[in-house]
Amino acid sequence: MNVILSIKPKFVKEIFEGRKIFEYRKTIFKKPVDKVYIYSSSPVCRIVGEFKIKNIITDTPENLWEETKEYSGITRLFFDSYFEGKRIAYALKIENVVKYSEAIHPNIIFDHFTAPQSFVYTELNLKY
């Protein structure tokens, strides 16, 4: 199973440039995931690449930040705001990042694509 993950364009840039190897989430997948397709949210609104998940770290926000901050690609202020009120936080450790030479408009491959709030499962298997 694969997922399409919505990520803000500024964070997509950090992933492609290798400064962000942890993608933070408030909720995590219930099914095993092989590949993550990167959907760069507004204003890009395209599938721009993919990555594999090396592992998923689950911990308190405080502990998670201490473990991942060096390659978070975000500020502590943003992190704290994102996880405010949460007792559990998740970090996907990113590996094998591929940036597509041409971004893919999702309506080309899906009949009625709606950008996922967080992620959506897919059987899609793109060849870049």
N, C-alpha and C. Protein backbone atom coordinates (compact mmCIF):
# COMPACT_ATOMS: atom_id res chain seq x y z
N MET A 1 0.85 -1.18 0.00
CA MET A 1 0.00 0.00 0.00
C MET A 1 0.90 1.24 0.00
N ASN A 2 0.46 2.25 -0.73
CA ASN A 2 1.15 3.52 -0.79
C ASN A 2 0.23 4.61 -0.25
N VAL A 3 0.80 5.79 0.02
CA VAL A 3 -0.01 6.92 0.44
C VAL A 3 0.40 8.16 -0.34
N ILE A 4 -0.56 9.06 -0.46
CA ILE A 4 -0.28 10.41 -0.94
C ILE A 4 -0.34 11.29 0.29
N LEU A 5 0.73 12.02 0.53
CA LEU A 5 0.86 12.85 1.72
C LEU A 5 0.89 14.31 1.29
N SER A 6 0.01 15.11 1.87
CA SER A 6 0.02 16.55 1.62
C SER A 6 1.10 17.21 2.47
N ILE A 7 1.97 17.96 1.80
CA ILE A 7 3.05 18.66 2.48
C ILE A 7 3.14 20.07 1.90
N LYS A 8 3.30 21.05 2.78
CA LYS A 8 3.41 22.44 2.32
C LYS A 8 4.66 22.61 1.46
N PRO A 9 4.55 23.43 0.40
CA PRO A 9 5.68 23.59 -0.54
C PRO A 9 7.01 23.96 0.12
N LYS A 10 6.99 24.80 1.15
CA LYS A 10 8.26 25.17 1.78
C LYS A 10 8.92 23.97 2.45
N PHE A 11 8.13 23.03 2.94
CA PHE A 11 8.69 21.83 3.56
C PHE A 11 9.11 20.81 2.51
N VAL A 12 8.40 20.78 1.39
CA VAL A 12 8.80 19.93 0.27
C VAL A 12 10.20 20.33 -0.18
N LYS A 13 10.45 21.61 -0.29
CA LYS A 13 11.76 22.12 -0.68
C LYS A 13 12.83 21.65 0.30
N GLU A 14 12.53 21.73 1.58
CA GLU A 14 13.48 21.28 2.61
C GLU A 14 13.77 19.77 2.48
N ILE A 15 12.75 18.99 2.14
CA ILE A 15 12.95 17.54 1.93
C ILE A 15 13.86 17.31 0.74
N PHE A 16 13.57 17.96 -0.39
CA PHE A 16 14.38 17.76 -1.59
C PHE A 16 15.81 18.24 -1.41
N GLU A 17 16.02 19.23 -0.56
CA GLU A 17 17.37 19.74 -0.33
C GLU A 17 18.10 19.01 0.80
N GLY A 18 17.44 18.02 1.41
CA GLY A 18 18.09 17.18 2.42
C GLY A 18 18.17 17.76 3.81
N ARG A 19 17.52 18.89 4.05
CA ARG A 19 17.54 19.50 5.38
C ARG A 19 16.41 19.00 6.27
N LYS A 20 15.45 18.33 5.66
CA LYS A 20 14.31 17.80 6.40
C LYS A 20 14.22 16.30 6.10
N ILE A 21 14.61 15.50 7.07
CA ILE A 21 14.48 14.05 6.89
C ILE A 21 13.45 13.44 7.84
N PHE A 22 12.72 14.33 8.53
CA PHE A 22 11.62 13.89 9.39
C PHE A 22 10.36 14.65 8.99
N GLU A 23 9.32 13.90 8.71
CA GLU A 23 8.01 14.50 8.41
C GLU A 23 7.11 14.19 9.60
N TYR A 24 6.58 15.24 10.21
CA TYR A 24 5.81 15.09 11.44
C TYR A 24 4.32 14.92 11.14
N ARG A 25 3.68 14.10 11.96
CA ARG A 25 2.26 13.83 11.81
C ARG A 25 1.60 13.70 13.17
N LYS A 26 0.34 14.14 13.24
CA LYS A 26 -0.45 13.98 14.46
C LYS A 26 -1.12 12.61 14.49
N THR A 27 -1.40 12.05 13.33
CA THR A 27 -1.95 10.70 13.22
C THR A 27 -1.07 9.92 12.26
N ILE A 28 -1.15 8.61 12.38
CA ILE A 28 -0.27 7.77 11.56
C ILE A 28 -1.09 6.70 10.86
N PHE A 29 -0.49 6.07 9.90
CA PHE A 29 -1.15 5.06 9.09
C PHE A 29 -1.54 3.84 9.92
N LYS A 30 -2.65 3.25 9.56
CA LYS A 30 -3.07 2.00 10.21
C LYS A 30 -2.67 0.79 9.38
N LYS A 31 -2.35 1.03 8.10
CA LYS A 31 -1.91 -0.04 7.20
C LYS A 31 -0.42 0.12 6.93
N PRO A 32 0.26 -0.97 6.58
CA PRO A 32 1.68 -0.85 6.21
C PRO A 32 1.81 -0.02 4.93
N VAL A 33 2.80 0.85 4.89
CA VAL A 33 3.01 1.73 3.74
C VAL A 33 4.37 1.46 3.12
N ASP A 34 4.36 1.26 1.80
CA ASP A 34 5.60 1.01 1.08
C ASP A 34 6.23 2.31 0.59
N LYS A 35 5.42 3.15 -0.05
CA LYS A 35 5.93 4.37 -0.67
C LYS A 35 5.03 5.54 -0.36
N VAL A 36 5.64 6.72 -0.21
CA VAL A 36 4.90 7.96 0.04
C VAL A 36 5.06 8.86 -1.18
N TYR A 37 3.95 9.25 -1.77
CA TYR A 37 3.96 10.23 -2.85
C TYR A 37 3.78 11.61 -2.22
N ILE A 38 4.62 12.54 -2.63
CA ILE A 38 4.60 13.89 -2.07
C ILE A 38 3.66 14.75 -2.90
N TYR A 39 2.55 15.15 -2.27
CA TYR A 39 1.64 16.11 -2.89
C TYR A 39 1.97 17.47 -2.30
N SER A 40 2.52 18.33 -3.12
CA SER A 40 2.87 19.69 -2.67
C SER A 40 1.59 20.51 -2.70
N SER A 41 1.16 20.93 -1.52
CA SER A 41 -0.14 21.61 -1.40
C SER A 41 -0.12 23.00 -2.05
N SER A 42 -1.19 23.72 -1.89
CA SER A 42 -1.39 25.02 -2.53
C SER A 42 -0.22 25.96 -2.27
N PRO A 43 0.25 26.67 -3.25
CA PRO A 43 -0.32 26.88 -4.57
C PRO A 43 0.17 25.91 -5.65
N VAL A 44 1.07 24.96 -5.31
CA VAL A 44 1.63 24.03 -6.30
C VAL A 44 0.57 23.03 -6.77
N CYS A 45 -0.05 22.33 -5.83
CA CYS A 45 -1.14 21.37 -6.11
C CYS A 45 -0.74 20.30 -7.12
N ARG A 46 0.42 19.70 -6.90
CA ARG A 46 0.93 18.66 -7.78
C ARG A 46 1.63 17.58 -6.97
N ILE A 47 1.72 16.38 -7.55
CA ILE A 47 2.54 15.31 -7.00
C ILE A 47 3.94 15.55 -7.56
N VAL A 48 4.89 15.81 -6.67
CA VAL A 48 6.20 16.29 -7.11
C VAL A 48 7.34 15.30 -6.87
N GLY A 49 7.06 14.22 -6.15
CA GLY A 49 8.11 13.25 -5.87
C GLY A 49 7.61 12.16 -4.95
N GLU A 50 8.55 11.42 -4.42
CA GLU A 50 8.22 10.30 -3.54
C GLU A 50 9.37 10.02 -2.60
N PHE A 51 9.07 9.24 -1.57
CA PHE A 51 10.12 8.75 -0.68
C PHE A 51 9.66 7.47 0.00
N LYS A 52 10.62 6.82 0.59
CA LYS A 52 10.35 5.63 1.41
C LYS A 52 10.44 6.05 2.87
N ILE A 53 9.79 5.28 3.72
CA ILE A 53 9.85 5.53 5.16
C ILE A 53 10.83 4.54 5.77
N LYS A 54 11.91 5.07 6.33
CA LYS A 54 12.90 4.20 6.98
C LYS A 54 12.31 3.61 8.25
N ASN A 55 11.69 4.48 9.06
CA ASN A 55 10.99 4.04 10.26
C ASN A 55 10.08 5.17 10.74
N ILE A 56 9.21 4.83 11.67
CA ILE A 56 8.30 5.82 12.26
C ILE A 56 8.60 5.89 13.74
N ILE A 57 8.88 7.10 14.20
CA ILE A 57 9.17 7.32 15.62
C ILE A 57 7.90 7.81 16.29
N THR A 58 7.54 7.19 17.39
CA THR A 58 6.38 7.58 18.18
C THR A 58 6.85 7.93 19.57
N ASP A 59 6.50 9.14 20.02
CA ASP A 59 6.95 9.57 21.35
C ASP A 59 6.15 10.80 21.76
N THR A 60 6.49 11.33 22.91
CA THR A 60 5.89 12.60 23.31
C THR A 60 6.47 13.68 22.39
N PRO A 61 5.74 14.77 22.19
CA PRO A 61 6.31 15.84 21.36
C PRO A 61 7.68 16.31 21.85
N GLU A 62 7.84 16.49 23.15
CA GLU A 62 9.13 16.96 23.69
C GLU A 62 10.27 16.01 23.34
N ASN A 63 10.08 14.71 23.58
CA ASN A 63 11.12 13.73 23.27
C ASN A 63 11.38 13.63 21.77
N LEU A 64 10.29 13.69 21.00
CA LEU A 64 10.42 13.60 19.55
C LEU A 64 11.25 14.77 19.01
N TRP A 65 10.98 15.97 19.51
CA TRP A 65 11.76 17.13 19.07
C TRP A 65 13.25 16.94 19.40
N GLU A 66 13.54 16.51 20.60
CA GLU A 66 14.94 16.33 21.00
C GLU A 66 15.66 15.32 20.10
N GLU A 67 14.95 14.30 19.69
CA GLU A 67 15.55 13.25 18.86
C GLU A 67 15.70 13.66 17.40
N THR A 68 14.84 14.54 16.90
CA THR A 68 14.77 14.81 15.47
C THR A 68 15.09 16.25 15.05
N LYS A 69 15.30 17.14 15.98
CA LYS A 69 15.37 18.57 15.67
C LYS A 69 16.46 18.94 14.66
N GLU A 70 17.57 18.21 14.65
CA GLU A 70 18.68 18.56 13.76
C GLU A 70 18.27 18.51 12.29
N TYR A 71 17.39 17.59 11.93
CA TYR A 71 16.93 17.46 10.54
C TYR A 71 15.42 17.60 10.45
N SER A 72 14.87 18.51 11.25
CA SER A 72 13.42 18.71 11.26
C SER A 72 12.94 19.55 10.08
N GLY A 73 13.79 20.48 9.63
CA GLY A 73 13.40 21.37 8.54
C GLY A 73 12.37 22.41 8.95
N ILE A 74 12.10 22.50 10.26
CA ILE A 74 11.12 23.46 10.79
C ILE A 74 11.67 24.09 12.06
N THR A 75 11.02 25.15 12.50
CA THR A 75 11.43 25.79 13.74
C THR A 75 10.77 25.11 14.93
N ARG A 76 11.35 25.32 16.09
CA ARG A 76 10.77 24.80 17.32
C ARG A 76 9.39 25.42 17.56
N LEU A 77 9.24 26.68 17.25
CA LEU A 77 7.96 27.37 17.41
C LEU A 77 6.87 26.72 16.56
N PHE A 78 7.20 26.41 15.31
CA PHE A 78 6.24 25.75 14.43
C PHE A 78 5.90 24.35 14.96
N PHE A 79 6.92 23.61 15.37
CA PHE A 79 6.74 22.27 15.92
C PHE A 79 5.79 22.31 17.13
N ASP A 80 6.08 23.21 18.07
CA ASP A 80 5.26 23.31 19.28
C ASP A 80 3.82 23.69 18.95
N SER A 81 3.64 24.58 18.01
CA SER A 81 2.30 24.99 17.59
C SER A 81 1.56 23.82 16.95
N TYR A 82 2.24 23.07 16.11
CA TYR A 82 1.63 21.94 15.40
C TYR A 82 1.16 20.86 16.38
N PHE A 83 1.96 20.57 17.39
CA PHE A 83 1.63 19.50 18.34
C PHE A 83 0.98 20.00 19.64
N GLU A 84 0.58 21.25 19.67
CA GLU A 84 -0.03 21.81 20.88
C GLU A 84 -1.21 20.96 21.35
N GLY A 85 -1.16 20.58 22.61
CA GLY A 85 -2.23 19.80 23.21
C GLY A 85 -2.16 18.29 22.96
N LYS A 86 -1.16 17.86 22.18
CA LYS A 86 -1.01 16.43 21.87
C LYS A 86 -0.06 15.76 22.85
N ARG A 87 -0.40 14.54 23.24
CA ARG A 87 0.48 13.78 24.12
C ARG A 87 1.40 12.85 23.34
N ILE A 88 0.99 12.48 22.14
CA ILE A 88 1.76 11.59 21.28
C ILE A 88 2.00 12.29 19.95
N ALA A 89 3.21 12.13 19.43
CA ALA A 89 3.60 12.71 18.15
C ALA A 89 4.33 11.65 17.33
N TYR A 90 4.29 11.82 16.01
CA TYR A 90 4.90 10.85 15.10
C TYR A 90 5.85 11.58 14.16
N ALA A 91 6.95 10.89 13.84
CA ALA A 91 7.89 11.41 12.84
C ALA A 91 8.23 10.28 11.87
N LEU A 92 8.00 10.54 10.60
CA LEU A 92 8.40 9.60 9.55
C LEU A 92 9.84 9.92 9.20
N LYS A 93 10.72 8.95 9.31
CA LYS A 93 12.11 9.17 8.89
C LYS A 93 12.18 8.87 7.39
N ILE A 94 12.54 9.89 6.64
CA ILE A 94 12.52 9.86 5.19
C ILE A 94 13.83 9.30 4.64
N GLU A 95 13.68 8.42 3.60
CA GLU A 95 14.86 7.96 2.88
C GLU A 95 14.49 7.76 1.41
N ASN A 96 15.51 7.63 0.58
CA ASN A 96 15.32 7.38 -0.86
C ASN A 96 14.37 8.38 -1.52
N VAL A 97 14.66 9.65 -1.33
CA VAL A 97 13.82 10.71 -1.90
C VAL A 97 14.06 10.81 -3.41
N VAL A 98 12.97 10.91 -4.15
CA VAL A 98 13.03 11.10 -5.59
C VAL A 98 12.20 12.33 -5.93
N LYS A 99 12.85 13.30 -6.59
CA LYS A 99 12.12 14.47 -7.08
C LYS A 99 11.82 14.21 -8.55
N TYR A 100 10.55 14.29 -8.92
CA TYR A 100 10.17 14.04 -10.30
C TYR A 100 10.65 15.17 -11.20
N SER A 101 11.08 14.83 -12.40
CA SER A 101 11.52 15.84 -13.35
C SER A 101 10.36 16.73 -13.79
N GLU A 102 9.16 16.15 -13.79
CA GLU A 102 7.95 16.92 -14.08
C GLU A 102 6.90 16.61 -13.03
N ALA A 103 6.37 17.65 -12.41
CA ALA A 103 5.30 17.46 -11.42
C ALA A 103 4.06 16.92 -12.12
N ILE A 104 3.29 16.12 -11.41
CA ILE A 104 2.10 15.47 -11.98
C ILE A 104 0.84 16.10 -11.42
N HIS A 105 -0.01 16.57 -12.33
CA HIS A 105 -1.30 17.09 -11.89
C HIS A 105 -2.16 15.88 -11.52
N PRO A 106 -2.66 15.80 -10.30
CA PRO A 106 -3.39 14.61 -9.85
C PRO A 106 -4.65 14.30 -10.67
N ASN A 107 -5.24 15.30 -11.29
CA ASN A 107 -6.45 15.04 -12.09
C ASN A 107 -6.14 14.24 -13.35
N ILE A 108 -4.88 14.12 -13.70
CA ILE A 108 -4.49 13.30 -14.84
C ILE A 108 -4.60 11.81 -14.49
N ILE A 109 -4.37 11.47 -13.24
CA ILE A 109 -4.40 10.06 -12.84
C ILE A 109 -5.60 9.67 -11.99
N PHE A 110 -6.30 10.65 -11.45
CA PHE A 110 -7.50 10.38 -10.64
C PHE A 110 -8.69 11.12 -11.25
N ASP A 111 -9.84 10.45 -11.28
CA ASP A 111 -11.04 11.07 -11.83
C ASP A 111 -11.50 12.28 -11.03
N HIS A 112 -11.57 12.13 -9.73
CA HIS A 112 -12.08 13.21 -8.88
C HIS A 112 -11.13 13.40 -7.70
N PHE A 113 -9.97 13.97 -7.95
CA PHE A 113 -8.98 14.12 -6.90
C PHE A 113 -9.33 15.27 -5.97
N THR A 114 -9.25 14.98 -4.69
CA THR A 114 -9.36 16.01 -3.66
C THR A 114 -8.10 15.91 -2.81
N ALA A 115 -7.46 17.02 -2.62
CA ALA A 115 -6.22 17.02 -1.84
C ALA A 115 -6.49 16.48 -0.44
N PRO A 116 -5.69 15.51 0.00
CA PRO A 116 -5.91 14.97 1.34
C PRO A 116 -5.55 15.98 2.43
N GLN A 117 -6.35 15.98 3.50
CA GLN A 117 -6.03 16.83 4.65
C GLN A 117 -4.68 16.44 5.24
N SER A 118 -4.43 15.16 5.33
CA SER A 118 -3.17 14.65 5.84
C SER A 118 -2.58 13.65 4.85
N PHE A 119 -3.28 12.53 4.67
CA PHE A 119 -2.83 11.52 3.71
C PHE A 119 -4.03 10.72 3.22
N VAL A 120 -3.81 9.99 2.12
CA VAL A 120 -4.82 9.10 1.58
C VAL A 120 -4.09 7.87 1.04
N TYR A 121 -4.66 6.70 1.30
CA TYR A 121 -4.09 5.46 0.77
C TYR A 121 -4.33 5.38 -0.73
N THR A 122 -3.40 4.72 -1.43
CA THR A 122 -3.57 4.53 -2.87
C THR A 122 -2.83 3.26 -3.31
N GLU A 123 -3.38 2.65 -4.33
CA GLU A 123 -2.70 1.51 -4.98
C GLU A 123 -1.81 2.02 -6.11
N LEU A 124 -1.84 3.31 -6.34
CA LEU A 124 -1.07 3.95 -7.39
C LEU A 124 0.39 3.53 -7.30
N ASN A 125 1.00 3.28 -8.46
CA ASN A 125 2.41 2.96 -8.50
C ASN A 125 3.03 3.73 -9.67
N LEU A 126 3.43 4.97 -9.41
CA LEU A 126 3.98 5.82 -10.45
C LEU A 126 5.38 5.39 -10.84
N LYS A 127 5.70 5.57 -12.10
CA LYS A 127 7.05 5.35 -12.61
C LYS A 127 7.57 6.71 -13.04
N TYR A 128 8.56 7.18 -12.36
CA TYR A 128 9.08 8.52 -12.64
C TYR A 128 10.09 8.52 -13.76
